C-alpha atoms as a PDB file:
ATOM      1  CA  MET A   1     -10.079  -5.883  -0.865  1.00  0.00           C
ATOM      2  CA  VAL A   2      -9.835  -3.883  -4.104  1.00  0.00           C
ATOM      3  CA  PHE A   3      -9.306  -0.156  -4.622  1.00  0.00           C
ATOM      4  CA  GLU A   4      -9.638   0.822  -8.271  1.00  0.00           C
ATOM      5  CA  ASN A   5      -9.863   4.250  -9.938  1.00  0.00           C
ATOM      6  CA  VAL A   6      -9.678   6.143  -6.639  1.00  0.00           C
ATOM      7  CA  THR A   7      -8.244   9.618  -5.977  1.00  0.00           C
ATOM      8  CA  ILE A   8      -7.508  10.864  -2.463  1.00  0.00           C
ATOM      9  CA  HIS A   9      -6.334  14.412  -1.757  1.00  0.00           C
ATOM     10  CA  SER A  10      -6.295  14.455   2.037  1.00  0.00           C
ATOM     11  CA  SER A  11      -6.555  12.273   5.127  1.00  0.00           C
ATOM     12  CA  PRO A  12      -5.895  13.159   8.794  1.00  0.00           C
ATOM     13  CA  GLY A  13      -4.259   9.746   9.385  1.00  0.00           C
ATOM     14  CA  PHE A  14      -3.526   6.832   7.066  1.00  0.00           C
ATOM     15  CA  GLY A  15      -4.817   7.236   3.526  1.00  0.00           C
ATOM     16  CA  ILE A  16      -5.692   3.536   3.150  1.00  0.00           C
ATOM     17  CA  PHE A  17      -5.447   0.954   5.948  1.00  0.00           C
ATOM     18  CA  PRO A  18      -5.969  -2.598   4.697  1.00  0.00           C
ATOM     19  CA  GLY A  19      -5.545  -4.532   7.903  1.00  0.00           C
ATOM     20  CA  PHE A  20      -6.260  -8.127   8.910  1.00  0.00           C
ATOM     21  CA  THR A  21      -7.538  -9.147   5.481  1.00  0.00           C
ATOM     22  CA  ASN A  22      -6.777 -11.526   2.624  1.00  0.00           C
ATOM     23  CA  ASN A  23      -5.613 -10.226  -0.756  1.00  0.00           C
ATOM     24  CA  PHE A  24      -5.262  -6.523  -1.503  1.00  0.00           C
ATOM     25  CA  THR A  25      -5.234  -4.798  -4.879  1.00  0.00           C
ATOM     26  CA  MET A  26      -4.712  -1.147  -5.827  1.00  0.00           C
ATOM     27  CA  ILE A  27      -5.174  -0.276  -9.503  1.00  0.00           C
ATOM     28  CA  ASN A  28      -5.080   3.319 -10.716  1.00  0.00           C
ATOM     29  CA  VAL A  29      -5.126   4.767  -7.215  1.00  0.00           C
ATOM     30  CA  ASN A  30      -3.817   8.319  -6.970  1.00  0.00           C
ATOM     31  CA  VAL A  31      -3.082   9.909  -3.621  1.00  0.00           C
ATOM     32  CA  VAL A  32      -2.009  13.356  -4.758  1.00  0.00           C
ATOM     33  CA  LYS A  33      -1.685  16.773  -3.173  1.00  0.00           C
ATOM     34  CA  TYR A  34      -4.554  19.147  -3.754  1.00  0.00           C
ATOM     35  CA  PRO A  35      -3.231  22.325  -5.432  1.00  0.00           C
ATOM     36  CA  GLY A  36      -1.785  24.621  -2.778  1.00  0.00           C
ATOM     37  CA  ARG A  37      -1.577  21.889  -0.108  1.00  0.00           C
ATOM     38  CA  TYR A  38       1.624  20.692   1.542  1.00  0.00           C
ATOM     39  CA  ALA A  39       0.723  17.032   2.137  1.00  0.00           C
ATOM     40  CA  THR A  40      -1.852  14.333   1.463  1.00  0.00           C
ATOM     41  CA  THR A  41      -1.720  12.319   4.702  1.00  0.00           C
ATOM     42  CA  ASN A  42      -0.329  12.865   8.188  1.00  0.00           C
ATOM     43  CA  LEU A  43       0.749   9.214   8.449  1.00  0.00           C
ATOM     44  CA  ASP A  44       1.474   6.470   5.890  1.00  0.00           C
ATOM     45  CA  ILE A  45      -0.461   6.737   2.638  1.00  0.00           C
ATOM     46  CA  VAL A  46      -0.967   2.952   2.557  1.00  0.00           C
ATOM     47  CA  HIS A  47      -0.351   0.994   5.748  1.00  0.00           C
ATOM     48  CA  MET A  48      -0.809  -2.756   5.198  1.00  0.00           C
ATOM     49  CA  HIS A  49      -1.050  -4.692   8.442  1.00  0.00           C
ATOM     50  CA  GLU A  50      -1.269  -8.470   8.949  1.00  0.00           C
ATOM     51  CA  LEU A  51      -2.246  -9.266   5.337  1.00  0.00           C
ATOM     52  CA  ARG A  52      -2.440 -12.742   3.830  1.00  0.00           C
ATOM     53  CA  GLY A  53      -2.604 -13.727   0.192  1.00  0.00           C
ATOM     54  CA  HIS A  54      -1.695 -11.676  -2.853  1.00  0.00           C
ATOM     55  CA  VAL A  55      -0.917  -7.959  -2.874  1.00  0.00           C
ATOM     56  CA  GLU A  56      -0.875  -6.045  -6.171  1.00  0.00           C
ATOM     57  CA  VAL A  57      -0.107  -2.353  -6.686  1.00  0.00           C
ATOM     58  CA  ARG A  58      -0.444  -1.200 -10.306  1.00  0.00           C
ATOM     59  CA  ASP A  59      -0.662   2.172 -12.086  1.00  0.00           C
ATOM     60  CA  THR A  60      -0.654   3.983  -8.753  1.00  0.00           C
ATOM     61  CA  LEU A  61       0.815   7.323  -7.625  1.00  0.00           C
ATOM     62  CA  LEU A  62       1.448   8.028  -3.926  1.00  0.00           C
ATOM     63  CA  GLU A  63       2.802  11.482  -3.016  1.00  0.00           C
ATOM     64  CA  GLY A  64       3.035  13.904  -0.131  1.00  0.00           C
ATOM     65  CA  SER A  65       2.824  11.530   2.831  1.00  0.00           C
ATOM     66  CA  GLY A  66       3.681  12.501   6.384  1.00  0.00           C
ATOM     67  CA  ASP A  67       5.535   9.185   6.719  1.00  0.00           C
ATOM     68  CA  ASP A  68       5.824   6.178   4.386  1.00  0.00           C
ATOM     69  CA  GLY A  69       4.206   6.034   0.977  1.00  0.00           C
ATOM     70  CA  LEU A  70       3.599   2.311   1.343  1.00  0.00           C
ATOM     71  CA  ALA A  71       4.273   0.397   4.564  1.00  0.00           C
ATOM     72  CA  ILE A  72       4.031  -3.342   5.136  1.00  0.00           C
ATOM     73  CA  SER A  73       3.634  -4.248   8.791  1.00  0.00           C
ATOM     74  CA  ASN A  74       3.303  -7.885   9.832  1.00  0.00           C
ATOM     75  CA  THR A  75       4.147  -9.416  13.178  1.00  0.00           C
ATOM     76  CA  VAL A  76       6.557 -11.899  11.601  1.00  0.00           C
ATOM     77  CA  THR A  77       7.506 -11.959   7.922  1.00  0.00           C
ATOM     78  CA  TYR A  78      10.034 -14.284   6.344  1.00  0.00           C
ATOM     79  CA  VAL A  79      11.239 -13.405   2.845  1.00  0.00           C
ATOM     80  CA  ASN A  80      11.965 -16.250   0.405  1.00  0.00           C
ATOM     81  CA  ALA A  81      13.100 -14.147  -2.572  1.00  0.00           C
ATOM     82  CA  VAL A  82      13.399 -10.567  -3.821  1.00  0.00           C
ATOM     83  CA  SER A  83      13.539  -9.427  -7.448  1.00  0.00           C
ATOM     84  CA  ALA A  84      13.311  -5.997  -9.076  1.00  0.00           C
ATOM     85  CA  SER A  85       9.517  -5.918  -8.774  1.00  0.00           C
ATOM     86  CA  THR A  86       8.457  -8.839  -6.540  1.00  0.00           C
ATOM     87  CA  VAL A  87       8.927  -9.800  -2.903  1.00  0.00           C
ATOM     88  CA  THR A  88       8.010 -13.483  -2.423  1.00  0.00           C
ATOM     89  CA  LEU A  89       7.103 -14.715   1.028  1.00  0.00           C
ATOM     90  CA  PRO A  90       6.607 -18.318   2.224  1.00  0.00           C
ATOM     91  CA  PRO A  91       3.482 -20.279   1.193  1.00  0.00           C
ATOM     92  CA  GLY A  92       0.447 -19.269   3.203  1.00  0.00           C
ATOM     93  CA  THR A  93       1.625 -15.708   3.723  1.00  0.00           C
ATOM     94  CA  SER A  94       1.759 -13.147   0.906  1.00  0.00           C
ATOM     95  CA  LYS A  95       3.249 -12.293  -2.465  1.00  0.00           C
ATOM     96  CA  PHE A  96       3.803  -8.631  -3.307  1.00  0.00           C
ATOM     97  CA  ASP A  97       3.972  -7.440  -6.928  1.00  0.00           C
ATOM     98  CA  PHE A  98       4.860  -3.845  -7.726  1.00  0.00           C
ATOM     99  CA  VAL A  99       4.261  -3.143 -11.407  1.00  0.00           C
END
């Protein structure tokens, strides 16, 4: 699933809900408040649920959420390593890069 060059000003729930999928990429995605508005979403802006594969978030701005800007929700997740910009999970699960 790829979101590229997308702008969202408002959503009554989650802004983006990539759930039960393989690989997720957001490039130049801007969830920004419309002038004069208090918030962009009532819930998480991005709520990732039960993802497998590679996750990449690049050149993206997330603001004004009612909860988390970016939430990762899996039933069970084991973390192998954490660096300044990468969370590495066991083979067969996911790798998250925040650049």
